[in-house]
All heavy atoms as atom14 arrays in JSON, in Angstrom:
{
  "sequence": "QAIQRNFLPRFSSRLVYTYTETDALFRRLFKNNRNT",
  "atom14_mask": [
    [1, 1, 1, 1, 1, 1, 1, 1, 1, 0, 0, 0, 0, 0],
    [1, 1, 1, 1, 1, 0, 0, 0, 0, 0, 0, 0, 0, 0],
    [1, 1, 1, 1, 1, 1, 1, 1, 0, 0, 0, 0, 0, 0],
    [1, 1, 1, 1, 1, 1, 1, 1, 1, 0, 0, 0, 0, 0],
    [1, 1, 1, 1, 1, 1, 1, 1, 1, 1, 1, 0, 0, 0],
    [1, 1, 1, 1, 1, 1, 1, 1, 0, 0, 0, 0, 0, 0],
    [1, 1, 1, 1, 1, 1, 1, 1, 1, 1, 1, 0, 0, 0],
    [1, 1, 1, 1, 1, 1, 1, 1, 0, 0, 0, 0, 0, 0],
    [1, 1, 1, 1, 1, 1, 1, 0, 0, 0, 0, 0, 0, 0],
    [1, 1, 1, 1, 1, 1, 1, 1, 1, 1, 1, 0, 0, 0],
    [1, 1, 1, 1, 1, 1, 1, 1, 1, 1, 1, 0, 0, 0],
    [1, 1, 1, 1, 1, 1, 0, 0, 0, 0, 0, 0, 0, 0],
    [1, 1, 1, 1, 1, 1, 0, 0, 0, 0, 0, 0, 0, 0],
    [1, 1, 1, 1, 1, 1, 1, 1, 1, 1, 1, 0, 0, 0],
    [1, 1, 1, 1, 1, 1, 1, 1, 0, 0, 0, 0, 0, 0],
    [1, 1, 1, 1, 1, 1, 1, 0, 0, 0, 0, 0, 0, 0],
    [1, 1, 1, 1, 1, 1, 1, 1, 1, 1, 1, 1, 0, 0],
    [1, 1, 1, 1, 1, 1, 1, 0, 0, 0, 0, 0, 0, 0],
    [1, 1, 1, 1, 1, 1, 1, 1, 1, 1, 1, 1, 0, 0],
    [1, 1, 1, 1, 1, 1, 1, 0, 0, 0, 0, 0, 0, 0],
    [1, 1, 1, 1, 1, 1, 1, 1, 1, 0, 0, 0, 0, 0],
    [1, 1, 1, 1, 1, 1, 1, 0, 0, 0, 0, 0, 0, 0],
    [1, 1, 1, 1, 1, 1, 1, 1, 0, 0, 0, 0, 0, 0],
    [1, 1, 1, 1, 1, 0, 0, 0, 0, 0, 0, 0, 0, 0],
    [1, 1, 1, 1, 1, 1, 1, 1, 0, 0, 0, 0, 0, 0],
    [1, 1, 1, 1, 1, 1, 1, 1, 1, 1, 1, 0, 0, 0],
    [1, 1, 1, 1, 1, 1, 1, 1, 1, 1, 1, 0, 0, 0],
    [1, 1, 1, 1, 1, 1, 1, 1, 1, 1, 1, 0, 0, 0],
    [1, 1, 1, 1, 1, 1, 1, 1, 0, 0, 0, 0, 0, 0],
    [1, 1, 1, 1, 1, 1, 1, 1, 1, 1, 1, 0, 0, 0],
    [1, 1, 1, 1, 1, 1, 1, 1, 1, 0, 0, 0, 0, 0],
    [1, 1, 1, 1, 1, 1, 1, 1, 0, 0, 0, 0, 0, 0],
    [1, 1, 1, 1, 1, 1, 1, 1, 0, 0, 0, 0, 0, 0],
    [1, 1, 1, 1, 1, 1, 1, 1, 1, 1, 1, 0, 0, 0],
    [1, 1, 1, 1, 1, 1, 1, 1, 0, 0, 0, 0, 0, 0],
    [1, 1, 1, 1, 1, 1, 1, 0, 0, 0, 0, 0, 0, 0]
  ],
  "atom14_positions": [
    [[0.82, -1.21, 0.0], [0.0, 0.0, 0.0], [0.86, 1.26, 0.0], [0.49, 2.27, -0.61], [-0.92, 0.01, 1.22], [-1.98, -1.08, 1.19], [-2.97, -0.93, 2.33], [-3.56, 0.13, 2.52], [-3.14, -2.0, 3.1], [0.0, 0.0, 0.0], [0.0, 0.0, 0.0], [0.0, 0.0, 0.0], [0.0, 0.0, 0.0], [0.0, 0.0, 0.0]],
    [[1.98, 1.22, 0.7], [2.84, 2.41, 0.77], [3.35, 2.81, -0.6], [3.59, 4.0, -0.86], [4.02, 2.14, 1.71], [0.0, 0.0, 0.0], [0.0, 0.0, 0.0], [0.0, 0.0, 0.0], [0.0, 0.0, 0.0], [0.0, 0.0, 0.0], [0.0, 0.0, 0.0], [0.0, 0.0, 0.0], [0.0, 0.0, 0.0], [0.0, 0.0, 0.0]],
    [[3.54, 1.84, -1.51], [4.02, 2.15, -2.86], [2.86, 2.34, -3.82], [2.95, 3.11, -4.78], [4.97, 1.04, -3.35], [6.1, 0.83, -2.35], [5.54, 1.38, -4.72], [7.07, -0.26, -2.72], [0.0, 0.0, 0.0], [0.0, 0.0, 0.0], [0.0, 0.0, 0.0], [0.0, 0.0, 0.0], [0.0, 0.0, 0.0], [0.0, 0.0, 0.0]],
    [[1.73, 1.68, -3.57], [0.55, 1.87, -4.41], [0.11, 3.34, -4.42], [-0.39, 3.83, -5.43], [-0.6, 1.01, -3.9], [-0.48, -0.46, -4.25], [-1.68, -1.25, -3.76], [-2.71, -0.68, -3.43], [-1.54, -2.57, -3.7], [0.0, 0.0, 0.0], [0.0, 0.0, 0.0], [0.0, 0.0, 0.0], [0.0, 0.0, 0.0], [0.0, 0.0, 0.0]],
    [[0.33, 4.04, -3.31], [-0.12, 5.43, -3.24], [0.6, 6.31, -4.25], [0.14, 7.4, -4.56], [0.08, 5.98, -1.82], [-0.91, 5.4, -0.83], [-1.0, 6.28, 0.42], [-2.03, 5.79, 1.3], [-1.83, 4.96, 2.32], [-0.6, 4.54, 2.56], [-2.81, 4.56, 3.09], [0.0, 0.0, 0.0], [0.0, 0.0, 0.0], [0.0, 0.0, 0.0]],
    [[1.75, 5.86, -4.76], [2.42, 6.61, -5.82], [1.54, 6.73, -7.06], [1.73, 7.63, -7.88], [3.73, 5.91, -6.22], [4.77, 5.98, -5.12], [4.46, 6.26, -3.97], [6.01, 5.71, -5.47], [0.0, 0.0, 0.0], [0.0, 0.0, 0.0], [0.0, 0.0, 0.0], [0.0, 0.0, 0.0], [0.0, 0.0, 0.0], [0.0, 0.0, 0.0]],
    [[0.57, 5.82, -7.2], [-0.23, 5.76, -8.42], [-1.71, 6.03, -8.14], [-2.56, 5.69, -8.96], [-0.06, 4.39, -9.08], [1.37, 4.05, -9.34], [2.09, 3.28, -8.44], [2.02, 4.52, -10.48], [3.42, 2.97, -8.67], [3.33, 4.22, -10.71], [4.04, 3.45, -9.81], [0.0, 0.0, 0.0], [0.0, 0.0, 0.0], [0.0, 0.0, 0.0]],
    [[-2.02, 6.65, -7.01], [-3.4, 6.99, -6.66], [-3.59, 8.5, -6.67], [-2.66, 9.25, -6.36], [-3.75, 6.44, -5.26], [-3.71, 4.92, -5.09], [-3.98, 4.56, -3.63], [-4.73, 4.25, -6.0], [0.0, 0.0, 0.0], [0.0, 0.0, 0.0], [0.0, 0.0, 0.0], [0.0, 0.0, 0.0], [0.0, 0.0, 0.0], [0.0, 0.0, 0.0]],
    [[-4.78, 8.99, -7.04], [-5.05, 10.43, -6.95], [-4.89, 10.9, -5.51], [-5.32, 10.24, -4.57], [-6.51, 10.55, -7.43], [-6.77, 9.3, -8.2], [-5.94, 8.23, -7.55], [0.0, 0.0, 0.0], [0.0, 0.0, 0.0], [0.0, 0.0, 0.0], [0.0, 0.0, 0.0], [0.0, 0.0, 0.0], [0.0, 0.0, 0.0], [0.0, 0.0, 0.0]],
    [[-4.25, 12.07, -5.33], [-3.95, 12.53, -3.98], [-4.2, 14.02, -3.82], [-4.09, 14.8, -4.77], [-2.48, 12.23, -3.63], [-2.14, 10.77, -3.63], [-0.75, 10.52, -3.09], [0.3, 11.15, -3.87], [0.8, 10.64, -4.99], [0.3, 9.52, -5.48], [1.77, 11.26, -5.62], [0.0, 0.0, 0.0], [0.0, 0.0, 0.0], [0.0, 0.0, 0.0]],
    [[-4.53, 14.41, -2.6], [-4.69, 15.8, -2.18], [-3.6, 16.05, -1.15], [-3.63, 15.51, -0.06], [-6.08, 16.0, -1.57], [-6.39, 17.43, -1.17], [-7.68, 17.78, -0.82], [-5.43, 18.42, -1.14], [-8.0, 19.08, -0.45], [-5.72, 19.72, -0.77], [-7.01, 20.04, -0.43], [0.0, 0.0, 0.0], [0.0, 0.0, 0.0], [0.0, 0.0, 0.0]],
    [[-2.61, 16.86, -1.52], [-1.49, 17.13, -0.63], [-1.57, 18.58, -0.16], [-1.69, 19.5, -0.98], [-0.16, 16.89, -1.35], [0.93, 17.32, -0.56], [0.0, 0.0, 0.0], [0.0, 0.0, 0.0], [0.0, 0.0, 0.0], [0.0, 0.0, 0.0], [0.0, 0.0, 0.0], [0.0, 0.0, 0.0], [0.0, 0.0, 0.0], [0.0, 0.0, 0.0]],
    [[-1.54, 18.79, 1.14], [-1.5, 20.14, 1.7], [-0.42, 20.21, 2.76], [-0.22, 19.27, 3.52], [-2.86, 20.52, 2.3], [-3.07, 19.84, 3.51], [0.0, 0.0, 0.0], [0.0, 0.0, 0.0], [0.0, 0.0, 0.0], [0.0, 0.0, 0.0], [0.0, 0.0, 0.0], [0.0, 0.0, 0.0], [0.0, 0.0, 0.0], [0.0, 0.0, 0.0]],
    [[0.3, 21.34, 2.8], [1.39, 21.48, 3.76], [1.47, 22.9, 4.27], [1.19, 23.86, 3.55], [2.73, 21.11, 3.11], [2.78, 19.73, 2.51], [4.19, 19.38, 2.05], [4.71, 20.28, 1.04], [4.46, 20.19, -0.26], [3.66, 19.22, -0.69], [5.0, 21.02, -1.11], [0.0, 0.0, 0.0], [0.0, 0.0, 0.0], [0.0, 0.0, 0.0]],
    [[1.87, 23.04, 5.52], [2.35, 24.3, 6.07], [3.86, 24.16, 6.19], [4.34, 23.21, 6.81], [1.72, 24.59, 7.43], [2.12, 25.9, 8.12], [0.99, 26.41, 9.0], [3.39, 25.74, 8.97], [0.0, 0.0, 0.0], [0.0, 0.0, 0.0], [0.0, 0.0, 0.0], [0.0, 0.0, 0.0], [0.0, 0.0, 0.0], [0.0, 0.0, 0.0]],
    [[4.61, 25.09, 5.61], [6.07, 24.95, 5.52], [6.73, 26.2, 6.1], [6.38, 27.33, 5.74], [6.52, 24.76, 4.07], [8.04, 24.54, 4.01], [5.79, 23.59, 3.42], [0.0, 0.0, 0.0], [0.0, 0.0, 0.0], [0.0, 0.0, 0.0], [0.0, 0.0, 0.0], [0.0, 0.0, 0.0], [0.0, 0.0, 0.0], [0.0, 0.0, 0.0]],
    [[7.69, 25.98, 7.0], [8.52, 27.08, 7.5], [9.98, 26.74, 7.25], [10.45, 25.63, 7.57], [8.31, 27.31, 8.99], [9.29, 28.31, 9.58], [9.14, 29.67, 9.32], [10.37, 27.89, 10.34], [10.05, 30.59, 9.82], [11.28, 28.8, 10.86], [11.12, 30.16, 10.6], [12.02, 31.06, 11.1], [0.0, 0.0, 0.0], [0.0, 0.0, 0.0]],
    [[10.73, 27.69, 6.68], [12.15, 27.5, 6.37], [12.96, 28.67, 6.92], [12.6, 29.83, 6.71], [12.38, 27.4, 4.86], [11.59, 26.32, 4.34], [13.84, 27.13, 4.56], [0.0, 0.0, 0.0], [0.0, 0.0, 0.0], [0.0, 0.0, 0.0], [0.0, 0.0, 0.0], [0.0, 0.0, 0.0], [0.0, 0.0, 0.0], [0.0, 0.0, 0.0]],
    [[14.02, 28.35, 7.63], [14.95, 29.37, 8.13], [16.31, 29.14, 7.48], [16.84, 28.03, 7.5], [15.08, 29.29, 9.65], [16.14, 30.23, 10.21], [15.87, 31.59, 10.37], [17.4, 29.76, 10.55], [16.84, 32.45, 10.86], [18.38, 30.62, 11.05], [18.08, 31.96, 11.2], [19.03, 32.82, 11.69], [0.0, 0.0, 0.0], [0.0, 0.0, 0.0]],
    [[16.87, 30.2, 6.91], [18.17, 30.11, 6.24], [19.11, 31.15, 6.82], [18.76, 32.33, 6.93], [18.02, 30.35, 4.73], [17.08, 29.42, 4.19], [19.36, 30.17, 4.02], [0.0, 0.0, 0.0], [0.0, 0.0, 0.0], [0.0, 0.0, 0.0], [0.0, 0.0, 0.0], [0.0, 0.0, 0.0], [0.0, 0.0, 0.0], [0.0, 0.0, 0.0]],
    [[20.3, 30.72, 7.21], [21.33, 31.65, 7.68], [22.6, 31.4, 6.89], [23.0, 30.25, 6.67], [21.59, 31.48, 9.17], [22.65, 32.45, 9.67], [22.55, 32.77, 11.15], [21.54, 32.4, 11.76], [23.49, 33.38, 11.69], [0.0, 0.0, 0.0], [0.0, 0.0, 0.0], [0.0, 0.0, 0.0], [0.0, 0.0, 0.0], [0.0, 0.0, 0.0]],
    [[23.24, 32.51, 6.49], [24.45, 32.41, 5.68], [25.63, 32.97, 6.45], [25.63, 33.0, 7.68], [24.26, 33.14, 4.35], [23.85, 34.5, 4.6], [23.17, 32.48, 3.52], [0.0, 0.0, 0.0], [0.0, 0.0, 0.0], [0.0, 0.0, 0.0], [0.0, 0.0, 0.0], [0.0, 0.0, 0.0], [0.0, 0.0, 0.0], [0.0, 0.0, 0.0]],
    [[26.61, 33.5, 5.76], [27.94, 33.81, 6.25], [28.05, 34.38, 7.66], [29.03, 34.11, 8.34], [28.62, 34.81, 5.31], [28.74, 34.26, 3.92], [28.67, 33.03, 3.77], [28.91, 35.04, 2.98], [0.0, 0.0, 0.0], [0.0, 0.0, 0.0], [0.0, 0.0, 0.0], [0.0, 0.0, 0.0], [0.0, 0.0, 0.0], [0.0, 0.0, 0.0]],
    [[27.1, 35.17, 8.11], [27.26, 35.94, 9.34], [27.7, 35.09, 10.52], [28.7, 35.39, 11.19], [25.96, 36.67, 9.67], [0.0, 0.0, 0.0], [0.0, 0.0, 0.0], [0.0, 0.0, 0.0], [0.0, 0.0, 0.0], [0.0, 0.0, 0.0], [0.0, 0.0, 0.0], [0.0, 0.0, 0.0], [0.0, 0.0, 0.0], [0.0, 0.0, 0.0]],
    [[26.98, 34.0, 10.8], [27.31, 33.17, 11.95], [28.69, 32.53, 11.79], [29.5, 32.52, 12.72], [26.25, 32.08, 12.13], [26.53, 31.04, 13.22], [26.6, 31.71, 14.58], [25.46, 29.95, 13.21], [0.0, 0.0, 0.0], [0.0, 0.0, 0.0], [0.0, 0.0, 0.0], [0.0, 0.0, 0.0], [0.0, 0.0, 0.0], [0.0, 0.0, 0.0]],
    [[28.98, 32.03, 10.61], [30.25, 31.34, 10.37], [31.43, 32.29, 10.55], [32.45, 31.93, 11.14], [30.24, 30.75, 8.96], [31.37, 29.8, 8.69], [31.43, 28.59, 9.34], [32.36, 30.12, 7.77], [32.46, 27.71, 9.09], [33.39, 29.24, 7.52], [33.44, 28.03, 8.18], [0.0, 0.0, 0.0], [0.0, 0.0, 0.0], [0.0, 0.0, 0.0]],
    [[31.28, 33.5, 10.08], [32.37, 34.47, 10.19], [32.61, 34.88, 11.64], [33.73, 35.13, 12.06], [32.07, 35.68, 9.32], [32.14, 35.37, 7.83], [31.71, 36.54, 6.98], [31.83, 36.19, 5.56], [31.42, 36.99, 4.58], [30.86, 38.15, 4.85], [31.55, 36.6, 3.32], [0.0, 0.0, 0.0], [0.0, 0.0, 0.0], [0.0, 0.0, 0.0]],
    [[31.54, 34.96, 12.43], [31.7, 35.29, 13.85], [32.45, 34.18, 14.58], [33.25, 34.43, 15.48], [30.34, 35.52, 14.5], [29.64, 36.79, 14.05], [28.55, 37.18, 15.03], [27.53, 36.16, 15.15], [26.42, 36.14, 14.41], [26.23, 37.07, 13.5], [25.53, 35.18, 14.57], [0.0, 0.0, 0.0], [0.0, 0.0, 0.0], [0.0, 0.0, 0.0]],
    [[32.2, 32.93, 14.2], [32.82, 31.81, 14.89], [34.29, 31.64, 14.51], [35.14, 31.36, 15.36], [32.06, 30.52, 14.59], [30.64, 30.41, 15.17], [29.97, 29.14, 14.68], [30.68, 30.4, 16.69], [0.0, 0.0, 0.0], [0.0, 0.0, 0.0], [0.0, 0.0, 0.0], [0.0, 0.0, 0.0], [0.0, 0.0, 0.0], [0.0, 0.0, 0.0]],
    [[34.62, 31.81, 13.23], [35.95, 31.48, 12.74], [36.8, 32.7, 12.41], [37.96, 32.57, 12.04], [35.85, 30.58, 11.5], [35.31, 29.21, 11.81], [33.95, 28.97, 11.76], [36.16, 28.19, 12.17], [33.44, 27.71, 12.05], [35.66, 26.93, 12.47], [34.31, 26.68, 12.41], [0.0, 0.0, 0.0], [0.0, 0.0, 0.0], [0.0, 0.0, 0.0]],
    [[36.23, 33.9, 12.54], [36.98, 35.13, 12.3], [37.66, 35.12, 10.94], [38.78, 35.58, 10.76], [38.04, 35.35, 13.4], [37.52, 35.24, 14.82], [36.47, 36.29, 15.12], [36.01, 36.18, 16.57], [34.94, 37.14, 16.89], [0.0, 0.0, 0.0], [0.0, 0.0, 0.0], [0.0, 0.0, 0.0], [0.0, 0.0, 0.0], [0.0, 0.0, 0.0]],
    [[36.97, 34.58, 9.95], [37.55, 34.48, 8.61], [36.49, 34.9, 7.61], [35.42, 34.31, 7.54], [38.0, 33.04, 8.34], [38.75, 32.91, 7.03], [38.47, 33.59, 6.06], [39.74, 32.02, 7.01], [0.0, 0.0, 0.0], [0.0, 0.0, 0.0], [0.0, 0.0, 0.0], [0.0, 0.0, 0.0], [0.0, 0.0, 0.0], [0.0, 0.0, 0.0]],
    [[36.78, 35.94, 6.84], [35.78, 36.45, 5.91], [35.82, 35.79, 4.54], [35.14, 36.23, 3.63], [35.92, 37.97, 5.75], [37.28, 38.37, 5.18], [38.11, 37.53, 4.88], [37.5, 39.68, 5.07], [0.0, 0.0, 0.0], [0.0, 0.0, 0.0], [0.0, 0.0, 0.0], [0.0, 0.0, 0.0], [0.0, 0.0, 0.0], [0.0, 0.0, 0.0]],
    [[36.64, 34.73, 4.4], [36.7, 34.05, 3.12], [35.88, 32.76, 3.11], [35.38, 32.33, 2.1], [38.15, 33.75, 2.74], [39.0, 35.0, 2.53], [40.4, 34.65, 2.05], [40.34, 34.06, 0.71], [40.75, 32.84, 0.43], [41.21, 32.05, 1.38], [40.69, 32.37, -0.8], [0.0, 0.0, 0.0], [0.0, 0.0, 0.0], [0.0, 0.0, 0.0]],
    [[35.79, 32.11, 4.27], [35.0, 30.9, 4.35], [33.52, 31.25, 4.33], [33.1, 32.32, 4.77], [35.33, 30.12, 5.62], [36.78, 29.67, 5.66], [37.39, 29.43, 4.63], [37.34, 29.59, 6.86], [0.0, 0.0, 0.0], [0.0, 0.0, 0.0], [0.0, 0.0, 0.0], [0.0, 0.0, 0.0], [0.0, 0.0, 0.0], [0.0, 0.0, 0.0]],
    [[32.72, 30.33, 3.82], [31.28, 30.57, 3.68], [30.51, 29.44, 4.33], [30.91, 28.27, 4.24], [30.89, 30.67, 2.19], [31.66, 31.71, 1.57], [29.41, 31.0, 2.05], [0.0, 0.0, 0.0], [0.0, 0.0, 0.0], [0.0, 0.0, 0.0], [0.0, 0.0, 0.0], [0.0, 0.0, 0.0], [0.0, 0.0, 0.0], [0.0, 0.0, 0.0]]
  ]
}
């Protein structure tokens, strides 16, 4: 059944939250402005 659902009509709904952090934290930790 778990694989049969790949071939059944479906209603998919999601609430999604994404947090992204870039260079700032890494540079504070390693004191290097070249690493990312």
